[in-house]
C-alpha atoms as a PDB file:
ATOM      1  CA  UNK A   1       9.513  21.688  39.071  1.00  0.00           C
ATOM      2  CA  UNK A   2      10.458  24.126  36.314  1.00  0.00           C
ATOM      3  CA  UNK A   3      13.983  22.739  36.343  1.00  0.00           C
ATOM      4  CA  UNK A   4      12.675  19.203  35.818  1.00  0.00           C
ATOM      5  CA  UNK A   5      10.504  20.316  32.902  1.00  0.00           C
ATOM      6  CA  UNK A   6      13.460  22.077  31.306  1.00  0.00           C
ATOM      7  CA  UNK A   7      15.588  18.951  31.771  1.00  0.00           C
ATOM      8  CA  UNK A   8      12.840  16.871  30.181  1.00  0.00           C
ATOM      9  CA  UNK A   9      12.655  19.235  27.197  1.00  0.00           C
ATOM     10  CA  UNK A  10      16.428  19.105  26.754  1.00  0.00           C
ATOM     11  CA  UNK A  11      16.368  15.310  27.025  1.00  0.00           C
ATOM     12  CA  UNK A  12      13.591  15.040  24.411  1.00  0.00           C
ATOM     13  CA  UNK A  13      15.483  17.304  22.013  1.00  0.00           C
ATOM     14  CA  UNK A  14      18.702  15.349  22.516  1.00  0.00           C
ATOM     15  CA  UNK A  15      16.861  12.044  22.124  1.00  0.00           C
ATOM     16  CA  UNK A  16      15.127  13.145  18.926  1.00  0.00           C
ATOM     17  CA  UNK A  17      18.383  14.479  17.513  1.00  0.00           C
ATOM     18  CA  UNK A  18      20.062  11.176  18.375  1.00  0.00           C
ATOM     19  CA  UNK A  19      17.400   9.215  16.459  1.00  0.00           C
ATOM     20  CA  UNK A  20      17.744  11.538  13.502  1.00  0.00           C
ATOM     21  CA  UNK A  21      21.520  11.106  13.569  1.00  0.00           C
ATOM     22  CA  UNK A  22      21.089   7.319  13.633  1.00  0.00           C
ATOM     23  CA  UNK A  23      18.775   7.456  10.623  1.00  0.00           C
ATOM     24  CA  UNK A  24      21.122   9.746   8.736  1.00  0.00           C
ATOM     25  CA  UNK A  25      24.041   7.439   9.547  1.00  0.00           C
ATOM     26  CA  UNK A  26      22.095   4.400   8.363  1.00  0.00           C
ATOM     27  CA  UNK A  27      20.984   6.079   5.143  1.00  0.00           C
ATOM     28  CA  UNK A  28      24.525   7.226   4.360  1.00  0.00           C
ATOM     29  CA  UNK A  29      26.056   3.866   5.288  1.00  0.00           C
ATOM     30  CA  UNK A  30      23.677   1.770   3.212  1.00  0.00           C
ATOM     31  CA  UNK A  31      22.649   4.471   0.737  1.00  0.00           C
ATOM     32  CA  UNK A  32      19.037   3.401   1.249  1.00  0.00           C
ATOM     33  CA  UNK A  33      15.880   4.785   2.753  1.00  0.00           C
ATOM     34  CA  UNK A  34      13.507   1.851   3.378  1.00  0.00           C
ATOM     35  CA  UNK A  35      10.402   4.048   3.432  1.00  0.00           C
ATOM     36  CA  UNK A  36      11.282   5.562   0.062  1.00  0.00           C
ATOM     37  CA  UNK A  37      12.027   2.083  -1.265  1.00  0.00           C
ATOM     38  CA  UNK A  38       8.556   0.895  -0.226  1.00  0.00           C
ATOM     39  CA  UNK A  39       6.810   3.978  -1.602  1.00  0.00           C
ATOM     40  CA  UNK A  40       8.409   3.403  -5.020  1.00  0.00           C
ATOM     41  CA  UNK A  41       6.225   0.321  -5.399  1.00  0.00           C
ATOM     42  CA  UNK A  42       3.109   2.414  -4.905  1.00  0.00           C
ATOM     43  CA  UNK A  43       4.116   5.616  -6.679  1.00  0.00           C
ATOM     44  CA  UNK A  44       1.882   5.068  -9.702  1.00  0.00           C
ATOM     45  CA  UNK A  45      -1.595   6.538  -9.318  1.00  0.00           C
ATOM     46  CA  UNK A  46      -3.279   3.240 -10.182  1.00  0.00           C
ATOM     47  CA  UNK A  47      -1.106   0.685  -8.387  1.00  0.00           C
ATOM     48  CA  UNK A  48      -3.150   0.575  -5.172  1.00  0.00           C
ATOM     49  CA  UNK A  49      -6.384   0.300  -7.144  1.00  0.00           C
ATOM     50  CA  UNK A  50      -5.053  -2.590  -9.210  1.00  0.00           C
ATOM     51  CA  UNK A  51      -3.623  -4.346  -6.156  1.00  0.00           C
ATOM     52  CA  UNK A  52      -7.030  -4.036  -4.491  1.00  0.00           C
ATOM     53  CA  UNK A  53      -8.716  -5.487  -7.575  1.00  0.00           C
ATOM     54  CA  UNK A  54      -6.270  -8.398  -7.619  1.00  0.00           C
ATOM     55  CA  UNK A  55      -6.938  -9.110  -3.940  1.00  0.00           C
ATOM     56  CA  UNK A  56     -10.657  -9.087  -4.784  1.00  0.00           C
ATOM     57  CA  UNK A  57     -10.124 -11.693  -7.504  1.00  0.00           C
ATOM     58  CA  UNK A  58     -10.055  -9.594 -10.666  1.00  0.00           C
ATOM     59  CA  UNK A  59      -7.420 -10.723 -13.139  1.00  0.00           C
ATOM     60  CA  UNK A  60      -8.254  -9.413 -16.632  1.00  0.00           C
ATOM     61  CA  UNK A  61      -7.182  -6.135 -18.199  1.00  0.00           C
ATOM     62  CA  UNK A  62     -10.744  -4.863 -18.747  1.00  0.00           C
ATOM     63  CA  UNK A  63     -11.771  -5.713 -15.188  1.00  0.00           C
ATOM     64  CA  UNK A  64      -9.199  -3.249 -13.855  1.00  0.00           C
ATOM     65  CA  UNK A  65     -10.850  -0.466 -15.854  1.00  0.00           C
ATOM     66  CA  UNK A  66     -14.361  -1.150 -14.584  1.00  0.00           C
ATOM     67  CA  UNK A  67     -15.725   1.960 -12.830  1.00  0.00           C
ATOM     68  CA  UNK A  68     -12.516   3.891 -13.578  1.00  0.00           C
ATOM     69  CA  UNK A  69     -13.361   6.241 -16.416  1.00  0.00           C
ATOM     70  CA  UNK A  70     -10.013   8.041 -16.290  1.00  0.00           C
ATOM     71  CA  UNK A  71      -7.899   4.871 -16.507  1.00  0.00           C
ATOM     72  CA  UNK A  72      -7.070   4.563 -20.202  1.00  0.00           C
ATOM     73  CA  UNK A  73      -5.486   1.532 -21.889  1.00  0.00           C
ATOM     74  CA  UNK A  74      -2.038   3.108 -22.155  1.00  0.00           C
ATOM     75  CA  UNK A  75      -1.895   4.081 -18.464  1.00  0.00           C
ATOM     76  CA  UNK A  76      -3.148   0.676 -17.377  1.00  0.00           C
ATOM     77  CA  UNK A  77      -0.650  -1.142 -19.614  1.00  0.00           C
ATOM     78  CA  UNK A  78       2.201   0.967 -18.267  1.00  0.00           C
ATOM     79  CA  UNK A  79       1.130   0.401 -14.660  1.00  0.00           C
ATOM     80  CA  UNK A  80       0.773  -3.363 -15.113  1.00  0.00           C
ATOM     81  CA  UNK A  81       4.191  -3.529 -16.778  1.00  0.00           C
ATOM     82  CA  UNK A  82       5.781  -1.589 -13.902  1.00  0.00           C
ATOM     83  CA  UNK A  83       4.072  -3.814 -11.348  1.00  0.00           C
ATOM     84  CA  UNK A  84       5.346  -6.857 -13.224  1.00  0.00           C
ATOM     85  CA  UNK A  85       8.886  -5.423 -13.406  1.00  0.00           C
ATOM     86  CA  UNK A  86       8.751  -4.686  -9.665  1.00  0.00           C
ATOM     87  CA  UNK A  87       7.746  -8.282  -8.980  1.00  0.00           C
ATOM     88  CA  UNK A  88       4.288  -7.509  -7.575  1.00  0.00           C
ATOM     89  CA  UNK A  89       2.371  -9.383 -10.265  1.00  0.00           C
ATOM     90  CA  UNK A  90       2.942 -11.910 -12.992  1.00  0.00           C
ATOM     91  CA  UNK A  91       1.232 -12.203 -16.336  1.00  0.00           C
ATOM     92  CA  UNK A  92      -0.211 -15.469 -17.640  1.00  0.00           C
ATOM     93  CA  UNK A  93      -0.881 -15.535 -21.379  1.00  0.00           C
ATOM     94  CA  UNK A  94      -3.284 -18.156 -22.703  1.00  0.00           C
ATOM     95  CA  UNK A  95      -1.403 -19.916 -25.511  1.00  0.00           C
ATOM     96  CA  UNK A  96      -4.591 -20.722 -27.419  1.00  0.00           C
ATOM     97  CA  UNK A  97      -6.133 -17.288 -26.965  1.00  0.00           C
ATOM     98  CA  UNK A  98      -3.381 -14.670 -26.362  1.00  0.00           C
ATOM     99  CA  UNK A  99      -5.973 -11.947 -25.780  1.00  0.00           C
ATOM    100  CA  UNK A 100      -7.066 -13.905 -22.713  1.00  0.00           C
ATOM    101  CA  UNK A 101      -4.192 -12.629 -20.584  1.00  0.00           C
ATOM    102  CA  UNK A 102      -4.548 -12.761 -16.816  1.00  0.00           C
ATOM    103  CA  UNK A 103      -2.604 -11.088 -14.033  1.00  0.00           C
ATOM    104  CA  UNK A 104      -1.947 -12.550 -10.602  1.00  0.00           C
ATOM    105  CA  UNK A 105      -0.255 -11.428  -7.411  1.00  0.00           C
ATOM    106  CA  UNK A 106       3.200 -12.797  -6.691  1.00  0.00           C
ATOM    107  CA  UNK A 107       4.237 -13.581  -3.124  1.00  0.00           C
ATOM    108  CA  UNK A 108       5.741 -10.108  -2.997  1.00  0.00           C
ATOM    109  CA  UNK A 109       2.436  -8.634  -4.171  1.00  0.00           C
ATOM    110  CA  UNK A 110       0.504 -10.693  -1.639  1.00  0.00           C
ATOM    111  CA  UNK A 111       2.763  -9.335   1.093  1.00  0.00           C
ATOM    112  CA  UNK A 112       1.067  -5.952   0.606  1.00  0.00           C
ATOM    113  CA  UNK A 113      -2.007  -7.385   2.351  1.00  0.00           C
ATOM    114  CA  UNK A 114      -0.949  -5.950   5.720  1.00  0.00           C
ATOM    115  CA  UNK A 115      -0.127  -2.566   4.187  1.00  0.00           C
ATOM    116  CA  UNK A 116      -3.575  -2.533   2.605  1.00  0.00           C
ATOM    117  CA  UNK A 117      -5.243  -3.447   5.860  1.00  0.00           C
ATOM    118  CA  UNK A 118      -3.359  -0.707   7.709  1.00  0.00           C
ATOM    119  CA  UNK A 119      -4.496   1.823   5.091  1.00  0.00           C
ATOM    120  CA  UNK A 120      -8.071   0.677   5.621  1.00  0.00           C
ATOM    121  CA  UNK A 121      -7.697   1.035   9.385  1.00  0.00           C
ATOM    122  CA  UNK A 122      -6.165   4.475   8.976  1.00  0.00           C
ATOM    123  CA  UNK A 123      -9.112   5.626   6.861  1.00  0.00           C
ATOM    124  CA  UNK A 124     -11.878   4.329   9.086  1.00  0.00           C
ATOM    125  CA  UNK A 125     -10.255   5.076  12.430  1.00  0.00           C
ATOM    126  CA  UNK A 126      -9.684   8.683  11.400  1.00  0.00           C
ATOM    127  CA  UNK A 127     -13.331   9.089  10.470  1.00  0.00           C
ATOM    128  CA  UNK A 128     -13.993  10.262  14.022  1.00  0.00           C
ATOM    129  CA  UNK A 129     -17.453  11.722  13.516  1.00  0.00           C
ATOM    130  CA  UNK A 130     -18.647   8.816  11.366  1.00  0.00           C
ATOM    131  CA  UNK A 131     -18.840  11.240   8.467  1.00  0.00           C
ATOM    132  CA  UNK A 132     -18.158   8.522   5.899  1.00  0.00           C
ATOM    133  CA  UNK A 133     -18.656   5.250   7.790  1.00  0.00           C
ATOM    134  CA  UNK A 134     -21.019   4.260  10.569  1.00  0.00           C
ATOM    135  CA  UNK A 135     -19.576   2.218  13.439  1.00  0.00           C
ATOM    136  CA  UNK A 136     -21.377  -0.811  12.045  1.00  0.00           C
ATOM    137  CA  UNK A 137     -19.873  -0.238   8.578  1.00  0.00           C
ATOM    138  CA  UNK A 138     -16.408   0.193  10.097  1.00  0.00           C
ATOM    139  CA  UNK A 139     -16.659  -3.148  11.869  1.00  0.00           C
ATOM    140  CA  UNK A 140     -18.028  -4.851   8.761  1.00  0.00           C
ATOM    141  CA  UNK A 141     -15.218  -3.431   6.616  1.00  0.00           C
ATOM    142  CA  UNK A 142     -12.569  -4.556   9.091  1.00  0.00           C
ATOM    143  CA  UNK A 143     -13.895  -8.110   9.139  1.00  0.00           C
ATOM    144  CA  UNK A 144     -14.530  -8.296   5.410  1.00  0.00           C
ATOM    145  CA  UNK A 145     -11.050  -7.068   4.512  1.00  0.00           C
ATOM    146  CA  UNK A 146      -9.446  -9.306   7.124  1.00  0.00           C
ATOM    147  CA  UNK A 147     -10.942 -12.242   5.269  1.00  0.00           C
ATOM    148  CA  UNK A 148     -10.197 -10.952   1.754  1.00  0.00           C
ATOM    149  CA  UNK A 149      -6.608 -10.043   2.607  1.00  0.00           C
ATOM    150  CA  UNK A 150      -6.123 -13.164   4.730  1.00  0.00           C
ATOM    151  CA  UNK A 151      -5.106 -11.201   7.819  1.00  0.00           C
ATOM    152  CA  UNK A 152      -4.900 -13.270  10.973  1.00  0.00           C
END
C-alpha cells in the first residue's frame, strides 16, 4: 500500500511538471500568456465598475461617478479612453449637443458577461456562512444577473 501511495505521489509530481512544461513551451513559442492578456483588460481599478454600470444600462459620464466619491473626472476619463482603445466600449457623441456623450459596450465588451457572472458566483458561493448574503439573496442575485447579463 505504501508503495502505491509513493507511486501516486511520483506520478502526480511528474504530471504537474509536465503541465508546467507544456505551459512554458506554449508561452515561449507564442510569446503570450492568455491569462495575463485577459487581465490587462481589467487592470484599471474602475474598469469592472464601469463595465457593470454599462451592463446595467448606464451610459453617461456622470452616471459612472454616482456613488463613487473617489472616482474623479480625470481617472474616469482615462479609464474610459483605455476601455475604448481596448475595444470594450465605443463613444457616441451627439452632434447637436457634444456634451451629451454616451458610452456603449462593443461585442468584445459584451463578451465579458460570462466573466462577470463567474465573479458573482465566486463571491456568493464563497460566502459559506451567509455572512454577506442569505441563501435567498444568493438565489435572487444569480437570477437577476443571469437576466441582466443575458446568460443562458
